[in-house]
């Protein structure tokens, strides 16, 4: 494991926690883009908007929807490739939003073990983000394009999101 030799920085850990925290929210935003595509099409024709403007708005929403789907798939495949029991703990905690007390009962482990696996999993996830091309530039691009992700990132940086 490369974490012990080269531990991730606080910025990398904050990015990792943000991506893990948005993992279960992406589907809701994809559905929102689908609804907006339908509404844009309906209202643009009703308002007599030009075809070029309508096509550009729809393409923009479809592009955003596709980007979110790709991001979710990358997060999921990376999270599920974590070593040991970290992948399962990360999935329970971040995707399924199961409290740590329930994870302890389900896995028959102590809370200390669960928190240690969460910490290890987040650090390993942060270390692997570069492998999927999630560098500072691409992450900042996400923050620029999606204000809801920026809000989560700020909460993580302020310590409002645990683990």
Protein backbone atom coordinates (compact mmCIF):
# COMPACT_ATOMS: atom_id res chain seq x y z
CA UNK A 1 0.00 0.00 0.00
CA UNK A 2 1.44 3.39 -0.99
CA UNK A 3 -0.28 5.35 1.78
CA UNK A 4 2.43 4.70 4.39
CA UNK A 5 5.21 5.78 2.04
CA UNK A 6 3.43 8.83 0.67
CA UNK A 7 0.46 9.89 2.82
CA UNK A 8 -2.14 12.12 1.13
CA UNK A 9 -2.25 15.82 1.96
CA UNK A 10 -5.16 17.41 3.81
CA UNK A 11 -6.34 18.90 0.51
CA UNK A 12 -6.38 15.44 -1.10
CA UNK A 13 -8.28 14.02 1.88
CA UNK A 14 -10.82 16.87 1.70
CA UNK A 15 -11.33 16.17 -2.01
CA UNK A 16 -11.75 12.45 -1.29
CA UNK A 17 -14.30 13.08 1.48
CA UNK A 18 -16.20 15.48 -0.78
CA UNK A 19 -16.38 12.97 -3.63
CA UNK A 20 -17.45 10.21 -1.26
CA UNK A 21 -20.11 12.50 0.24
CA UNK A 22 -21.57 13.37 -3.17
CA UNK A 23 -21.60 9.72 -4.28
CA UNK A 24 -25.15 9.04 -3.09
CA UNK A 25 -26.43 12.49 -4.17
CA UNK A 26 -25.45 12.31 -7.83
CA UNK A 27 -28.51 10.29 -8.88
CA UNK A 28 -30.78 13.03 -7.55
CA UNK A 29 -28.92 15.65 -9.58
CA UNK A 30 -28.99 13.48 -12.70
CA UNK A 31 -32.77 13.18 -12.33
CA UNK A 32 -32.95 16.97 -11.87
CA UNK A 33 -31.11 17.50 -15.17
CA UNK A 34 -33.48 15.08 -16.91
CA UNK A 35 -36.50 17.04 -15.62
CA UNK A 36 -34.92 20.32 -16.72
CA UNK A 37 -34.29 18.96 -20.20
CA UNK A 38 -37.99 18.11 -20.50
CA UNK A 39 -39.09 21.47 -19.05
CA UNK A 40 -36.72 23.43 -21.29
CA UNK A 41 -38.09 21.67 -24.34
CA UNK A 42 -41.71 22.28 -23.32
CA UNK A 43 -41.35 25.91 -22.28
CA UNK A 44 -39.05 26.91 -25.11
CA UNK A 45 -41.56 25.82 -27.68
CA UNK A 46 -44.36 27.52 -25.75
CA UNK A 47 -42.39 30.77 -25.46
CA UNK A 48 -41.33 30.69 -29.08
CA UNK A 49 -37.60 30.53 -28.35
CA UNK A 50 -35.24 29.96 -31.23
CA UNK A 51 -34.20 26.43 -32.13
CA UNK A 52 -30.50 27.17 -31.63
CA UNK A 53 -31.07 28.47 -28.10
CA UNK A 54 -33.23 25.45 -27.27
CA UNK A 55 -30.67 22.98 -28.63
CA UNK A 56 -27.81 24.67 -26.73
CA UNK A 57 -29.72 24.56 -23.42
CA UNK A 58 -30.63 20.90 -23.88
CA UNK A 59 -27.08 19.93 -24.91
CA UNK A 60 -25.68 21.76 -21.86
CA UNK A 61 -28.01 19.86 -19.50
CA UNK A 62 -27.27 16.55 -21.22
CA UNK A 63 -23.53 17.21 -20.94
CA UNK A 64 -23.85 17.97 -17.22
CA UNK A 65 -25.96 14.85 -16.68
CA UNK A 66 -23.40 12.69 -18.51
CA UNK A 67 -20.49 14.20 -16.56
CA UNK A 68 -22.23 13.39 -13.28
CA UNK A 69 -22.90 9.80 -14.38
CA UNK A 70 -19.24 9.34 -15.35
CA UNK A 71 -18.11 10.86 -12.05
CA UNK A 72 -20.37 8.53 -10.06
CA UNK A 73 -19.07 5.49 -11.94
CA UNK A 74 -15.47 6.56 -11.29
CA UNK A 75 -16.14 7.12 -7.59
CA UNK A 76 -17.92 3.80 -7.27
CA UNK A 77 -15.29 1.74 -9.10
CA UNK A 78 -12.48 3.37 -7.15
CA UNK A 79 -14.25 2.95 -3.80
CA UNK A 80 -15.04 -0.69 -4.49
CA UNK A 81 -11.40 -1.42 -5.37
CA UNK A 82 -10.12 -0.43 -1.93
CA UNK A 83 -8.24 -3.06 0.01
CA UNK A 84 -9.40 -5.20 2.90
CA UNK A 85 -12.72 -4.39 4.50
CA UNK A 86 -12.37 -0.72 3.63
CA UNK A 87 -14.45 -0.99 0.46
CA UNK A 88 -17.45 -2.39 2.33
CA UNK A 89 -17.15 0.12 5.19
CA UNK A 90 -16.80 3.03 2.74
CA UNK A 91 -19.88 1.83 0.85
CA UNK A 92 -21.94 1.43 4.03
CA UNK A 93 -20.92 4.80 5.43
CA UNK A 94 -20.87 7.07 2.39
CA UNK A 95 -23.25 5.49 -0.12
CA UNK A 96 -25.80 3.75 2.08
CA UNK A 97 -25.47 6.37 4.88
CA UNK A 98 -25.47 3.69 7.58
CA UNK A 99 -24.34 5.08 10.96
CA UNK A 100 -21.10 3.72 12.36
CA UNK A 101 -22.92 2.11 15.30
CA UNK A 102 -24.97 -0.02 12.91
CA UNK A 103 -21.86 -0.86 10.86
CA UNK A 104 -20.22 -2.12 14.06
CA UNK A 105 -23.20 -4.36 14.82
CA UNK A 106 -23.49 -5.63 11.23
CA UNK A 107 -19.78 -6.45 10.95
CA UNK A 108 -19.36 -7.59 14.53
CA UNK A 109 -16.46 -5.20 15.07
CA UNK A 110 -15.64 -2.43 17.49
CA UNK A 111 -16.26 1.22 16.70
CA UNK A 112 -12.51 1.78 16.80
CA UNK A 113 -12.03 -0.80 14.02
CA UNK A 114 -14.76 0.82 11.90
CA UNK A 115 -13.28 4.31 12.32
CA UNK A 116 -9.79 3.00 11.56
CA UNK A 117 -11.09 1.31 8.37
CA UNK A 118 -12.94 4.49 7.39
CA UNK A 119 -9.80 6.57 7.90
CA UNK A 120 -7.65 4.07 6.00
CA UNK A 121 -10.24 3.81 3.22
CA UNK A 122 -10.49 7.58 2.79
CA UNK A 123 -6.70 7.91 2.73
CA UNK A 124 -6.37 5.11 0.18
CA UNK A 125 -9.19 6.64 -1.89
CA UNK A 126 -7.41 10.03 -1.74
CA UNK A 127 -4.14 8.43 -2.85
CA UNK A 128 -5.82 6.76 -5.82
CA UNK A 129 -7.67 9.82 -7.10
CA UNK A 130 -4.72 10.74 -9.29
CA UNK A 131 -4.98 7.36 -11.01
CA UNK A 132 -8.42 8.28 -12.37
CA UNK A 133 -7.32 11.76 -13.38
CA UNK A 134 -8.85 13.66 -10.47
CA UNK A 135 -6.17 16.29 -10.01
CA UNK A 136 -6.58 19.80 -8.59
CA UNK A 137 -7.57 21.25 -11.96
CA UNK A 138 -10.37 18.75 -12.63
CA UNK A 139 -11.64 19.00 -9.06
CA UNK A 140 -11.71 22.81 -9.22
CA UNK A 141 -13.61 22.47 -12.49
CA UNK A 142 -16.26 20.45 -10.63
CA UNK A 143 -16.46 23.11 -7.92
CA UNK A 144 -16.88 25.81 -10.56
CA UNK A 145 -19.58 23.95 -12.47
CA UNK A 146 -21.56 22.52 -9.57
CA UNK A 147 -22.25 24.84 -6.65
CA UNK A 148 -23.77 22.00 -4.61
CA UNK A 149 -20.42 20.15 -4.73
CA UNK A 150 -18.64 23.35 -3.67
CA UNK A 151 -20.99 23.60 -0.69
CA UNK A 152 -20.14 20.06 0.39
CA UNK A 153 -16.42 20.70 -0.09
CA UNK A 154 -16.63 23.80 2.12
CA UNK A 155 -18.45 21.79 4.81
CA UNK A 156 -15.74 19.12 4.68
CA UNK A 157 -12.97 21.75 4.88
CA UNK A 158 -14.71 23.38 7.86
CA UNK A 159 -14.93 20.03 9.63
CA UNK A 160 -18.73 19.86 9.43
CA UNK A 161 -18.60 16.43 7.75
CA UNK A 162 -17.04 13.75 9.90
CA UNK A 163 -14.58 11.18 8.55
